PDB file of N, CA and C in Angstrom:
ATOM      1  N   MET A   1       0.853  -1.169   0.000  1.00  0.00           N
ATOM      2  CA  MET A   1       0.000   0.000   0.000  1.00  0.00           C
ATOM      3  C   MET A   1       0.896   1.227   0.000  1.00  0.00           C
ATOM      4  N   PRO A   2       0.668   2.192  -0.881  1.00  0.00           N
ATOM      5  CA  PRO A   2       1.500   3.390  -0.951  1.00  0.00           C
ATOM      6  C   PRO A   2       1.255   4.277   0.259  1.00  0.00           C
ATOM      7  N   LYS A   3       2.308   4.999   0.657  1.00  0.00           N
ATOM      8  CA  LYS A   3       2.206   5.872   1.825  1.00  0.00           C
ATOM      9  C   LYS A   3       1.206   6.995   1.609  1.00  0.00           C
ATOM     10  N   SER A   4       1.007   7.438   0.401  1.00  0.00           N
ATOM     11  CA  SER A   4       0.107   8.554   0.135  1.00  0.00           C
ATOM     12  C   SER A   4      -1.336   8.201   0.437  1.00  0.00           C
ATOM     13  N   GLN A   5      -1.690   6.923   0.452  1.00  0.00           N
ATOM     14  CA  GLN A   5      -3.072   6.532   0.726  1.00  0.00           C
ATOM     15  C   GLN A   5      -3.344   6.366   2.218  1.00  0.00           C
ATOM     16  N   ARG A   6      -2.314   6.318   3.016  1.00  0.00           N
ATOM     17  CA  ARG A   6      -2.506   6.143   4.457  1.00  0.00           C
ATOM     18  C   ARG A   6      -2.901   7.484   5.080  1.00  0.00           C
ATOM     19  N   SER A   7      -3.849   7.439   6.007  1.00  0.00           N
ATOM     20  CA  SER A   7      -4.206   8.672   6.714  1.00  0.00           C
ATOM     21  C   SER A   7      -3.250   8.847   7.884  1.00  0.00           C
ATOM     22  N   LYS A   8      -2.922  10.070   8.125  1.00  0.00           N
ATOM     23  CA  LYS A   8      -1.995  10.374   9.215  1.00  0.00           C
ATOM     24  C   LYS A   8      -2.805  10.643  10.482  1.00  0.00           C
ATOM     25  N   PRO A   9      -2.438   9.998  11.566  1.00  0.00           N
ATOM     26  CA  PRO A   9      -3.169  10.246  12.811  1.00  0.00           C
ATOM     27  C   PRO A   9      -2.832  11.632  13.358  1.00  0.00           C
ATOM     28  N   GLY A  10      -3.825  12.258  14.020  1.00  0.00           N
ATOM     29  CA  GLY A  10      -3.618  13.574  14.632  1.00  0.00           C
ATOM     30  C   GLY A  10      -2.828  13.439  15.922  1.00  0.00           C
ATOM     31  N   PRO A  11      -2.558  14.565  16.577  1.00  0.00           N
ATOM     32  CA  PRO A  11      -1.752  14.536  17.800  1.00  0.00           C
ATOM     33  C   PRO A  11      -2.409  13.745  18.928  1.00  0.00           C
ATOM     34  N   ASN A  12      -3.735  13.697  18.948  1.00  0.00           N
ATOM     35  CA  ASN A  12      -4.441  12.967  20.000  1.00  0.00           C
ATOM     36  C   ASN A  12      -5.069  11.687  19.475  1.00  0.00           C
ATOM     37  N   ALA A  13      -4.618  11.209  18.340  1.00  0.00           N
ATOM     38  CA  ALA A  13      -5.225  10.028  17.744  1.00  0.00           C
ATOM     39  C   ALA A  13      -5.051   8.811  18.629  1.00  0.00           C
ATOM     40  N   THR A  14      -4.000   8.740  19.398  1.00  0.00           N
ATOM     41  CA  THR A  14      -3.797   7.586  20.270  1.00  0.00           C
ATOM     42  C   THR A  14      -4.791   7.587  21.418  1.00  0.00           C
ATOM     43  N   ASP A  15      -5.394   8.732  21.725  1.00  0.00           N
ATOM     44  CA  ASP A  15      -6.380   8.809  22.791  1.00  0.00           C
ATOM     45  C   ASP A  15      -7.759   8.348  22.330  1.00  0.00           C
ATOM     46  N   SER A  16      -7.984   8.293  21.045  1.00  0.00           N
ATOM     47  CA  SER A  16      -9.305   8.042  20.501  1.00  0.00           C
ATOM     48  C   SER A  16      -9.443   6.598  20.035  1.00  0.00           C
ATOM     49  N   PRO A  17     -10.504   5.890  20.454  1.00  0.00           N
ATOM     50  CA  PRO A  17     -10.698   4.523  19.978  1.00  0.00           C
ATOM     51  C   PRO A  17     -11.082   4.471  18.503  1.00  0.00           C
ATOM     52  N   GLU A  18     -11.554   5.603  17.947  1.00  0.00           N
ATOM     53  CA  GLU A  18     -11.959   5.620  16.541  1.00  0.00           C
ATOM     54  C   GLU A  18     -10.786   5.872  15.608  1.00  0.00           C
ATOM     55  N   LYS A  19      -9.585   5.890  16.089  1.00  0.00           N
ATOM     56  CA  LYS A  19      -8.434   6.228  15.256  1.00  0.00           C
ATOM     57  C   LYS A  19      -8.291   5.238  14.103  1.00  0.00           C
ATOM     58  N   VAL A  20      -7.704   5.724  13.062  1.00  0.00           N
ATOM     59  CA  VAL A  20      -7.450   4.885  11.897  1.00  0.00           C
ATOM     60  C   VAL A  20      -6.016   4.407  11.998  1.00  0.00           C
ATOM     61  N   THR A  21      -5.813   3.124  11.874  1.00  0.00           N
ATOM     62  CA  THR A  21      -4.460   2.584  11.983  1.00  0.00           C
ATOM     63  C   THR A  21      -3.692   2.837  10.702  1.00  0.00           C
ATOM     64  N   ALA A  22      -2.376   2.697  10.783  1.00  0.00           N
ATOM     65  CA  ALA A  22      -1.514   2.942   9.630  1.00  0.00           C
ATOM     66  C   ALA A  22      -1.800   1.955   8.506  1.00  0.00           C
ATOM     67  N   GLU A  23      -2.328   0.785   8.842  1.00  0.00           N
ATOM     68  CA  GLU A  23      -2.612  -0.212   7.812  1.00  0.00           C
ATOM     69  C   GLU A  23      -3.946   0.032   7.121  1.00  0.00           C
ATOM     70  N   SER A  24      -4.780   0.885   7.636  1.00  0.00           N
ATOM     71  CA  SER A  24      -6.099   1.131   7.079  1.00  0.00           C
ATOM     72  C   SER A  24      -5.984   1.926   5.787  1.00  0.00           C
ATOM     73  N   THR A  25      -6.851   1.609   4.867  1.00  0.00           N
ATOM     74  CA  THR A  25      -6.849   2.326   3.596  1.00  0.00           C
ATOM     75  C   THR A  25      -7.955   3.363   3.543  1.00  0.00           C
ATOM     76  N   GLU A  26      -8.857   3.343   4.521  1.00  0.00           N
ATOM     77  CA  GLU A  26      -9.979   4.267   4.494  1.00  0.00           C
ATOM     78  C   GLU A  26      -9.594   5.587   5.159  1.00  0.00           C
ATOM     79  N   PRO A  27      -9.946   6.718   4.542  1.00  0.00           N
ATOM     80  CA  PRO A  27      -9.698   8.011   5.182  1.00  0.00           C
ATOM     81  C   PRO A  27     -10.669   8.193   6.354  1.00  0.00           C
ATOM     82  N   LEU A  28     -10.378   9.176   7.208  1.00  0.00           N
ATOM     83  CA  LEU A  28     -11.269   9.461   8.331  1.00  0.00           C
ATOM     84  C   LEU A  28     -12.631   9.896   7.814  1.00  0.00           C
ATOM     85  N   SER A  29     -13.669   9.400   8.464  1.00  0.00           N
ATOM     86  CA  SER A  29     -15.014   9.832   8.092  1.00  0.00           C
ATOM     87  C   SER A  29     -15.240  11.234   8.653  1.00  0.00           C
ATOM     88  N   ASP A  30     -16.313  11.865   8.202  1.00  0.00           N
ATOM     89  CA  ASP A  30     -16.649  13.195   8.711  1.00  0.00           C
ATOM     90  C   ASP A  30     -16.852  13.149  10.224  1.00  0.00           C
ATOM     91  N   THR A  31     -17.496  12.113  10.701  1.00  0.00           N
ATOM     92  CA  THR A  31     -17.732  11.965  12.137  1.00  0.00           C
ATOM     93  C   THR A  31     -16.418  11.849  12.886  1.00  0.00           C
ATOM     94  N   GLN A  32     -15.507  11.047  12.348  1.00  0.00           N
ATOM     95  CA  GLN A  32     -14.211  10.874  13.000  1.00  0.00           C
ATOM     96  C   GLN A  32     -13.410  12.180  12.990  1.00  0.00           C
ATOM     97  N   THR A  33     -13.502  12.920  11.898  1.00  0.00           N
ATOM     98  CA  THR A  33     -12.808  14.204  11.808  1.00  0.00           C
ATOM     99  C   THR A  33     -13.363  15.183  12.840  1.00  0.00           C
ATOM    100  N   ILE A  34     -14.691  15.228  12.932  1.00  0.00           N
ATOM    101  CA  ILE A  34     -15.336  16.112  13.903  1.00  0.00           C
ATOM    102  C   ILE A  34     -14.967  15.700  15.326  1.00  0.00           C
ATOM    103  N   MET A  35     -14.981  14.400  15.596  1.00  0.00           N
ATOM    104  CA  MET A  35     -14.639  13.916  16.935  1.00  0.00           C
ATOM    105  C   MET A  35     -13.192  14.256  17.290  1.00  0.00           C
ATOM    106  N   ALA A  36     -12.294  14.121  16.333  1.00  0.00           N
ATOM    107  CA  ALA A  36     -10.889  14.457  16.577  1.00  0.00           C
ATOM    108  C   ALA A  36     -10.746  15.955  16.858  1.00  0.00           C
ATOM    109  N   ALA A  37     -11.473  16.778  16.092  1.00  0.00           N
ATOM    110  CA  ALA A  37     -11.429  18.226  16.308  1.00  0.00           C
ATOM    111  C   ALA A  37     -12.010  18.580  17.678  1.00  0.00           C
ATOM    112  N   LEU A  38     -13.102  17.920  18.043  1.00  0.00           N
ATOM    113  CA  LEU A  38     -13.699  18.159  19.355  1.00  0.00           C
ATOM    114  C   LEU A  38     -12.752  17.753  20.479  1.00  0.00           C
ATOM    115  N   LYS A  39     -12.054  16.650  20.271  1.00  0.00           N
ATOM    116  CA  LYS A  39     -11.094  16.180  21.275  1.00  0.00           C
ATOM    117  C   LYS A  39      -9.972  17.210  21.457  1.00  0.00           C
ATOM    118  N   ARG A  40      -9.471  17.755  20.344  1.00  0.00           N
ATOM    119  CA  ARG A  40      -8.420  18.777  20.434  1.00  0.00           C
ATOM    120  C   ARG A  40      -8.950  20.039  21.111  1.00  0.00           C
ATOM    121  N   THR A  41     -10.175  20.429  20.750  1.00  0.00           N
ATOM    122  CA  THR A  41     -10.790  21.609  21.359  1.00  0.00           C
ATOM    123  C   THR A  41     -10.984  21.395  22.855  1.00  0.00           C
ATOM    124  N   GLU A  42     -11.455  20.212  23.211  1.00  0.00           N
ATOM    125  CA  GLU A  42     -11.643  19.889  24.625  1.00  0.00           C
ATOM    126  C   GLU A  42     -10.316  20.009  25.380  1.00  0.00           C
ATOM    127  N   GLN A  43      -9.259  19.484  24.796  1.00  0.00           N
ATOM    128  CA  GLN A  43      -7.952  19.539  25.450  1.00  0.00           C
ATOM    129  C   GLN A  43      -7.480  20.987  25.598  1.00  0.00           C
ATOM    130  N   CYS A  44      -7.703  21.803  24.577  1.00  0.00           N
ATOM    131  CA  CYS A  44      -7.327  23.222  24.660  1.00  0.00           C
ATOM    132  C   CYS A  44      -8.105  23.929  25.770  1.00  0.00           C
ATOM    133  N   VAL A  45      -9.409  23.656  25.839  1.00  0.00           N
ATOM    134  CA  VAL A  45     -10.249  24.272  26.865  1.00  0.00           C
ATOM    135  C   VAL A  45      -9.803  23.822  28.253  1.00  0.00           C
ATOM    136  N   LEU A  46      -9.532  22.531  28.408  1.00  0.00           N
ATOM    137  CA  LEU A  46      -9.075  22.025  29.703  1.00  0.00           C
ATOM    138  C   LEU A  46      -7.739  22.645  30.101  1.00  0.00           C
ATOM    139  N   ASN A  47      -6.845  22.807  29.141  1.00  0.00           N
ATOM    140  CA  ASN A  47      -5.561  23.451  29.431  1.00  0.00           C
ATOM    141  C   ASN A  47      -5.759  24.897  29.866  1.00  0.00           C
ATOM    142  N   LYS A  48      -6.677  25.606  29.187  1.00  0.00           N
ATOM    143  CA  LYS A  48      -6.962  26.996  29.533  1.00  0.00           C
ATOM    144  C   LYS A  48      -7.569  27.087  30.935  1.00  0.00           C
ATOM    145  N   ILE A  49      -8.509  26.202  31.233  1.00  0.00           N
ATOM    146  CA  ILE A  49      -9.118  26.176  32.565  1.00  0.00           C
ATOM    147  C   ILE A  49      -8.054  25.897  33.618  1.00  0.00           C
ATOM    148  N   ASP A  50      -7.205  24.930  33.335  1.00  0.00           N
ATOM    149  CA  ASP A  50      -6.148  24.569  34.279  1.00  0.00           C
ATOM    150  C   ASP A  50      -5.221  25.751  34.546  1.00  0.00           C
ATOM    151  N   SER A  51      -4.816  26.439  33.493  1.00  0.00           N
ATOM    152  CA  SER A  51      -3.906  27.576  33.688  1.00  0.00           C
ATOM    153  C   SER A  51      -4.608  28.721  34.414  1.00  0.00           C
ATOM    154  N   THR A  52      -5.889  28.934  34.124  1.00  0.00           N
ATOM    155  CA  THR A  52      -6.648  29.985  34.799  1.00  0.00           C
ATOM    156  C   THR A  52      -6.806  29.670  36.285  1.00  0.00           C
ATOM    157  N   VAL A  53      -7.154  28.426  36.592  1.00  0.00           N
ATOM    158  CA  VAL A  53      -7.318  28.017  37.989  1.00  0.00           C
ATOM    159  C   VAL A  53      -5.980  28.106  38.724  1.00  0.00           C
ATOM    160  N   THR A  54      -4.913  27.670  38.071  1.00  0.00           N
ATOM    161  CA  THR A  54      -3.588  27.737  38.686  1.00  0.00           C
ATOM    162  C   THR A  54      -3.213  29.184  39.001  1.00  0.00           C
ATOM    163  N   ALA A  55      -3.483  30.089  38.065  1.00  0.00           N
ATOM    164  CA  ALA A  55      -3.184  31.507  38.294  1.00  0.00           C
ATOM    165  C   ALA A  55      -4.034  32.061  39.439  1.00  0.00           C
ATOM    166  N   ALA A  56      -5.323  31.701  39.460  1.00  0.00           N
ATOM    167  CA  ALA A  56      -6.211  32.187  40.521  1.00  0.00           C
ATOM    168  C   ALA A  56      -5.770  31.668  41.885  1.00  0.00           C
ATOM    169  N   VAL A  57      -5.367  30.409  41.941  1.00  0.00           N
ATOM    170  CA  VAL A  57      -4.893  29.836  43.204  1.00  0.00           C
ATOM    171  C   VAL A  57      -3.623  30.553  43.655  1.00  0.00           C
ATOM    172  N   GLY A  58      -2.744  30.853  42.713  1.00  0.00           N
ATOM    173  CA  GLY A  58      -1.528  31.598  43.049  1.00  0.00           C
ATOM    174  C   GLY A  58      -1.849  32.968  43.622  1.00  0.00           C
ATOM    175  N   GLU A  59      -2.820  33.656  43.010  1.00  0.00           N
ATOM    176  CA  GLU A  59      -3.229  34.970  43.515  1.00  0.00           C
ATOM    177  C   GLU A  59      -3.825  34.852  44.918  1.00  0.00           C
ATOM    178  N   LEU A  60      -4.634  33.813  45.133  1.00  0.00           N
ATOM    179  CA  LEU A  60      -5.226  33.616  46.457  1.00  0.00           C
ATOM    180  C   LEU A  60      -4.153  33.351  47.509  1.00  0.00           C
ATOM    181  N   HIS A  61      -3.165  32.544  47.155  1.00  0.00           N
ATOM    182  CA  HIS A  61      -2.071  32.283  48.099  1.00  0.00           C
ATOM    183  C   HIS A  61      -1.336  33.577  48.443  1.00  0.00           C
ATOM    184  N   THR A  62      -1.119  34.416  47.440  1.00  0.00           N
ATOM    185  CA  THR A  62      -0.449  35.698  47.680  1.00  0.00           C
ATOM    186  C   THR A  62      -1.289  36.571  48.609  1.00  0.00           C
ATOM    187  N   LYS A  63      -2.596  36.645  48.347  1.00  0.00           N
ATOM    188  CA  LYS A  63      -3.478  37.450  49.192  1.00  0.00           C
ATOM    189  C   LYS A  63      -3.519  36.904  50.618  1.00  0.00           C
ATOM    190  N   ILE A  64      -3.573  35.587  50.753  1.00  0.00           N
ATOM    191  CA  ILE A  64      -3.587  34.973  52.083  1.00  0.00           C
ATOM    192  C   ILE A  64      -2.290  35.283  52.821  1.00  0.00           C
ATOM    193  N   ASP A  65      -1.172  35.175  52.118  1.00  0.00           N
ATOM    194  CA  ASP A  65       0.124  35.495  52.736  1.00  0.00           C
ATOM    195  C   ASP A  65       0.165  36.947  53.202  1.00  0.00           C
ATOM    196  N   ASN A  66      -0.325  37.856  52.360  1.00  0.00           N
ATOM    197  CA  ASN A  66      -0.341  39.280  52.724  1.00  0.00           C
ATOM    198  C   ASN A  66      -1.253  39.537  53.924  1.00  0.00           C
ATOM    199  N   LEU A  67      -2.435  38.915  53.912  1.00  0.00           N
ATOM    200  CA  LEU A  67      -3.360  39.089  55.034  1.00  0.00           C
ATOM    201  C   LEU A  67      -2.784  38.504  56.319  1.00  0.00           C
ATOM    202  N   SER A  68      -2.123  37.373  56.215  1.00  0.00           N
ATOM    203  CA  SER A  68      -1.500  36.762  57.397  1.00  0.00           C
ATOM    204  C   SER A  68      -0.412  37.666  57.962  1.00  0.00           C
ATOM    205  N   ARG A  69       0.396  38.233  57.072  1.00  0.00           N
ATOM    206  CA  ARG A  69       1.451  39.146  57.514  1.00  0.00           C
ATOM    207  C   ARG A  69       0.839  40.370  58.202  1.00  0.00           C
ATOM    208  N   ASP A  70      -0.214  40.936  57.592  1.00  0.00           N
ATOM    209  CA  ASP A  70      -0.876  42.101  58.180  1.00  0.00           C
ATOM    210  C   ASP A  70      -1.485  41.757  59.539  1.00  0.00           C
ATOM    211  N   LEU A  71      -2.087  40.583  59.633  1.00  0.00           N
ATOM    212  CA  LEU A  71      -2.707  40.162  60.887  1.00  0.00           C
ATOM    213  C   LEU A  71      -1.659  39.987  61.985  1.00  0.00           C
ATOM    214  N   ARG A  72      -0.527  39.363  61.647  1.00  0.00           N
ATOM    215  CA  ARG A  72       0.547  39.210  62.632  1.00  0.00           C
ATOM    216  C   ARG A  72       1.050  40.579  63.098  1.00  0.00           C
ATOM    217  N   SER A  73       1.151  41.516  62.173  1.00  0.00           N
ATOM    218  CA  SER A  73       1.595  42.865  62.522  1.00  0.00           C
ATOM    219  C   SER A  73       0.598  43.536  63.460  1.00  0.00           C
ATOM    220  N   GLU A  74      -0.687  43.411  63.156  1.00  0.00           N
ATOM    221  CA  GLU A  74      -1.720  44.009  64.008  1.00  0.00           C
ATOM    222  C   GLU A  74      -1.733  43.367  65.389  1.00  0.00           C
ATOM    223  N   ILE A  75      -1.567  42.054  65.444  1.00  0.00           N
ATOM    224  CA  ILE A  75      -1.516  41.364  66.739  1.00  0.00           C
ATOM    225  C   ILE A  75      -0.338  41.875  67.555  1.00  0.00           C
ATOM    226  N   SER A  76       0.790  42.055  66.903  1.00  0.00           N
ATOM    227  CA  SER A  76       1.972  42.580  67.590  1.00  0.00           C
ATOM    228  C   SER A  76       1.712  43.988  68.118  1.00  0.00           C
ATOM    229  N   ASN A  77       1.061  44.825  67.307  1.00  0.00           N
ATOM    230  CA  ASN A  77       0.736  46.189  67.740  1.00  0.00           C
ATOM    231  C   ASN A  77      -0.212  46.183  68.937  1.00  0.00           C
ATOM    232  N   VAL A  78      -1.222  45.323  68.892  1.00  0.00           N
ATOM    233  CA  VAL A  78      -2.179  45.235  70.001  1.00  0.00           C
ATOM    234  C   VAL A  78      -1.464  44.748  71.259  1.00  0.00           C
ATOM    235  N   ARG A  79      -0.599  43.759  71.101  1.00  0.00           N
ATOM    236  CA  ARG A  79       0.158  43.244  72.245  1.00  0.00           C
ATOM    237  C   ARG A  79       1.008  44.358  72.875  1.00  0.00           C
ATOM    238  N   THR A  80       1.660  45.150  72.033  1.00  0.00           N
ATOM    239  CA  THR A  80       2.489  46.257  72.530  1.00  0.00           C
ATOM    240  C   THR A  80       1.639  47.269  73.290  1.00  0.00           C
ATOM    241  N   GLU A  81       0.501  47.645  72.710  1.00  0.00           N
ATOM    242  CA  GLU A  81      -0.389  48.607  73.371  1.00  0.00           C
ATOM    243  C   GLU A  81      -0.939  48.037  74.675  1.00  0.00           C
ATOM    244  N   PHE A  82      -1.296  46.769  74.666  1.00  0.00           N
ATOM    245  CA  PHE A  82      -1.832  46.135  75.867  1.00  0.00           C
ATOM    246  C   PHE A  82      -0.777  46.126  76.973  1.00  0.00           C
ATOM    247  N   THR A  83       0.459  45.827  76.604  1.00  0.00           N
ATOM    248  CA  THR A  83       1.555  45.836  77.581  1.00  0.00           C
ATOM    249  C   THR A  83       1.724  47.225  78.183  1.00  0.00           C
ATOM    250  N   LYS A  84       1.620  48.261  77.355  1.00  0.00           N
ATOM    251  CA  LYS A  84       1.720  49.636  77.859  1.00  0.00           C
ATOM    252  C   LYS A  84       0.591  49.941  78.842  1.00  0.00           C
ATOM    253  N   VAL A  85      -0.620  49.516  78.500  1.00  0.00           N
ATOM    254  CA  VAL A  85      -1.770  49.757  79.376  1.00  0.00           C
ATOM    255  C   VAL A  85      -1.572  49.034  80.706  1.00  0.00           C
ATOM    256  N   VAL A  86      -1.107  47.792  80.657  1.00  0.00           N
ATOM    257  CA  VAL A  86      -0.873  47.036  81.889  1.00  0.00           C
ATOM    258  C   VAL A  86       0.173  47.734  82.753  1.00  0.00           C
ATOM    259  N   GLU A  87       1.239  48.211  82.141  1.00  0.00           N
ATOM    260  CA  GLU A  87       2.277  48.930  82.893  1.00  0.00           C
ATOM    261  C   GLU A  87       1.717  50.205  83.516  1.00  0.00           C
ATOM    262  N   ASP A  88       0.892  50.933  82.766  1.00  0.00           N
ATOM    263  CA  ASP A  88       0.267  52.149  83.308  1.00  0.00           C
ATOM    264  C   ASP A  88      -0.636  51.813  84.494  1.00  0.00           C
ATOM    265  N   VAL A  89      -1.403  50.733  84.372  1.00  0.00           N
ATOM    266  CA  VAL A  89      -2.295  50.320  85.465  1.00  0.00           C
ATOM    267  C   VAL A  89      -1.473  49.941  86.692  1.00  0.00           C
ATOM    268  N   LYS A  90      -0.363  49.241  86.470  1.00  0.00           N
ATOM    269  CA  LYS A  90       0.507  48.876  87.603  1.00  0.00           C
ATOM    270  C   LYS A  90       1.041  50.126  88.298  1.00  0.00           C
ATOM    271  N   LYS A  91       1.456  51.127  87.527  1.00  0.00           N
ATOM    272  CA  LYS A  91       1.968  52.374  88.106  1.00  0.00           C
ATOM    273  C   LYS A  91       0.875  53.088  88.895  1.00  0.00           C
ATOM    274  N   GLU A  92      -0.316  53.161  88.297  1.00  0.00           N
ATOM    275  CA  GLU A  92      -1.430  53.817  88.981  1.00  0.00           C
ATOM    276  C   GLU A  92      -1.794  53.061  90.249  1.00  0.00           C
ATOM    277  N   ASN A  93      -1.763  51.747  90.181  1.00  0.00           N
ATOM    278  CA  ASN A  93      -2.071  50.928  91.349  1.00  0.00           C
ATOM    279  C   ASN A  93      -1.037  51.165  92.449  1.00  0.00           C
ATOM    280  N   ALA A  94       0.240  51.226  92.065  1.00  0.00           N
ATOM    281  CA  ALA A  94       1.297  51.477  93.055  1.00  0.00           C
ATOM    282  C   ALA A  94       1.103  52.843  93.696  1.00  0.00           C
ATOM    283  N   THR A  95       0.750  53.839  92.904  1.00  0.00           N
ATOM    284  CA  THR A  95       0.502  55.184  93.432  1.00  0.00           C
ATOM    285  C   THR A  95      -0.688  55.162  94.385  1.00  0.00           C
ATOM    286  N   PHE A  96      -1.741  54.454  93.996  1.00  0.00           N
ATOM    287  CA  PHE A  96      -2.938  54.347  94.823  1.00  0.00           C
ATOM    288  C   PHE A  96      -2.605  53.660  96.147  1.00  0.00           C
ATOM    289  N   VAL A  97      -1.827  52.586  96.097  1.00  0.00           N
ATOM    290  CA  VAL A  97      -1.438  51.870  97.319  1.00  0.00           C
ATOM    291  C   VAL A  97      -0.610  52.777  98.217  1.00  0.00           C
ATOM    292  N   MET A  98       0.303  53.560  97.627  1.00  0.00           N
ATOM    293  CA  MET A  98       1.105  54.503  98.423  1.00  0.00           C
ATOM    294  C   MET A  98       0.211  55.533  99.098  1.00  0.00           C
ATOM    295  N   ARG A  99      -0.777  56.028  98.383  1.00  0.00           N
ATOM    296  CA  ARG A  99      -1.683  57.031  98.957  1.00  0.00           C
ATOM    297  C   ARG A  99      -2.499  56.428 100.100  1.00  0.00           C
ATOM    298  N   ILE A 100      -2.947  55.186  99.907  1.00  0.00           N
ATOM    299  CA  ILE A 100      -3.688  54.526 100.986  1.00  0.00           C
ATOM    300  C   ILE A 100      -2.779  54.359 102.203  1.00  0.00           C
ATOM    301  N   GLY A 101      -1.525  53.980 101.949  1.00  0.00           N
ATOM    302  CA  GLY A 101      -0.561  53.854 103.053  1.00  0.00           C
ATOM    303  C   GLY A 101      -0.373  55.174 103.773  1.00  0.00           C
ATOM    304  N   ASP A 102      -0.259  56.244 103.008  1.00  0.00           N
ATOM    305  CA  ASP A 102      -0.115  57.578 103.613  1.00  0.00           C
ATOM    306  C   ASP A 102      -1.354  57.934 104.432  1.00  0.00           C
ATOM    307  N   LEU A 103      -2.540  57.620 103.892  1.00  0.00           N
ATOM    308  CA  LEU A 103      -3.783  57.905 104.614  1.00  0.00           C
ATOM    309  C   LEU A 103      -3.858  57.090 105.900  1.00  0.00           C
ATOM    310  N   GLU A 104      -3.449  55.826 105.822  1.00  0.00           N
ATOM    311  CA  GLU A 104      -3.465  54.988 107.023  1.00  0.00           C
ATOM    312  C   GLU A 104      -2.540  55.559 108.095  1.00  0.00           C
ATOM    313  N   GLU A 105      -1.356  55.978 107.672  1.00  0.00           N
ATOM    314  CA  GLU A 105      -0.410  56.563 108.626  1.00  0.00           C
ATOM    315  C   GLU A 105      -0.988  57.833 109.241  1.00  0.00           C
ATOM    316  N   GLY A 106      -1.577  58.665 108.389  1.00  0.00           N
ATOM    317  CA  GLY A 106      -2.183  59.906 108.884  1.00  0.00           C
ATOM    318  C   GLY A 106      -3.336  59.626 109.816  1.00  0.00           C
ATOM    319  N   LEU A 107      -4.158  58.634 109.450  1.00  0.00           N
ATOM    320  CA  LEU A 107      -5.305  58.272 110.272  1.00  0.00           C
ATOM    321  C   LEU A 107      -4.841  57.708 111.615  1.00  0.00           C
ATOM    322  N   MET A 108      -3.831  56.860 111.562  1.00  0.00           N
ATOM    323  CA  MET A 108      -3.301  56.283 112.800  1.00  0.00           C
ATOM    324  C   MET A 108      -2.714  57.386 113.688  1.00  0.00           C
ATOM    325  N   ALA A 109      -2.048  58.328 113.055  1.00  0.00           N
ATOM    326  CA  ALA A 109      -1.477  59.442 113.823  1.00  0.00           C
ATOM    327  C   ALA A 109      -2.585  60.259 114.467  1.00  0.00           C
ATOM    328  N   MET A 110      -3.649  60.468 113.703  1.00  0.00           N
ATOM    329  CA  MET A 110      -4.776  61.229 114.246  1.00  0.00           C
ATOM    330  C   MET A 110      -5.437  60.457 115.377  1.00  0.00           C
ATOM    331  N   LEU A 111      -5.625  59.149 115.173  1.00  0.00           N
ATOM    332  CA  LEU A 111      -6.295  58.346 116.193  1.00  0.00           C
ATOM    333  C   LEU A 111      -5.452  58.248 117.470  1.00  0.00           C
ATOM    334  N   THR A 112      -4.190  58.017 117.296  1.00  0.00           N
ATOM    335  CA  THR A 112      -3.337  57.910 118.482  1.00  0.00           C
ATOM    336  C   THR A 112      -3.162  59.264 119.137  1.00  0.00           C
ATOM    337  N   GLY A 113      -3.118  60.289 118.353  1.00  0.00           N
ATOM    338  CA  GLY A 113      -2.980  61.638 118.904  1.00  0.00           C
ATOM    339  C   GLY A 113      -4.247  62.077 119.590  1.00  0.00           C
ATOM    340  N   SER A 114      -5.409  61.766 119.016  1.00  0.00           N
ATOM    341  CA  SER A 114      -6.664  62.195 119.614  1.00  0.00           C
ATOM    342  C   SER A 114      -7.003  61.328 120.814  1.00  0.00           C
ATOM    343  N   GLY A 115      -6.544  60.082 120.828  1.00  0.00           N
ATOM    344  CA  GLY A 115      -6.806  59.191 121.952  1.00  0.00           C
ATOM    345  C   GLY A 115      -6.062  59.618 123.201  1.00  0.00           C
ATOM    346  N   THR A 116      -4.927  60.235 123.075  1.00  0.00           N
ATOM    347  CA  THR A 116      -4.147  60.644 124.238  1.00  0.00           C
ATOM    348  C   THR A 116      -4.629  61.981 124.767  1.00  0.00           C
ATOM    349  N   ARG A 117      -5.341  62.727 123.955  1.00  0.00           N
ATOM    350  CA  ARG A 117      -5.815  64.046 124.393  1.00  0.00           C
ATOM    351  C   ARG A 117      -7.033  63.907 125.297  1.00  0.00           C
ATOM    352  N   GLY A 118      -7.885  62.948 125.020  1.00  0.00           N
ATOM    353  CA  GLY A 118      -9.153  62.878 125.670  1.00  0.00           C
ATOM    354  C   GLY A 118      -9.167  62.335 126.979  1.00  0.00           C
TER     355      GLY A 118
END
């Protein structure tokens, strides 16, 4: 059989059960041609979807990383502010305790002083 009469399989012909073998003398039917074209189109669409999804996932990972970094920064800022507030409360508490101590001393002095007068 001459080579010119053999039909050449397409790039995805091995994927298709309707493929024409090299020994076949019949050309592809219209249905087989359409099916092969649809198979190639399907593969192109799937590749496009895959690349689009991959890009979208990459963008989401980037956004998640940025949000995580921002959140860690905000947590650190809140922790710093909270520590400052706690230190201020401790100082105010120490001042308050000192004032109570001073009042107790003054009160005791008044009580002991007034008790000896009467």
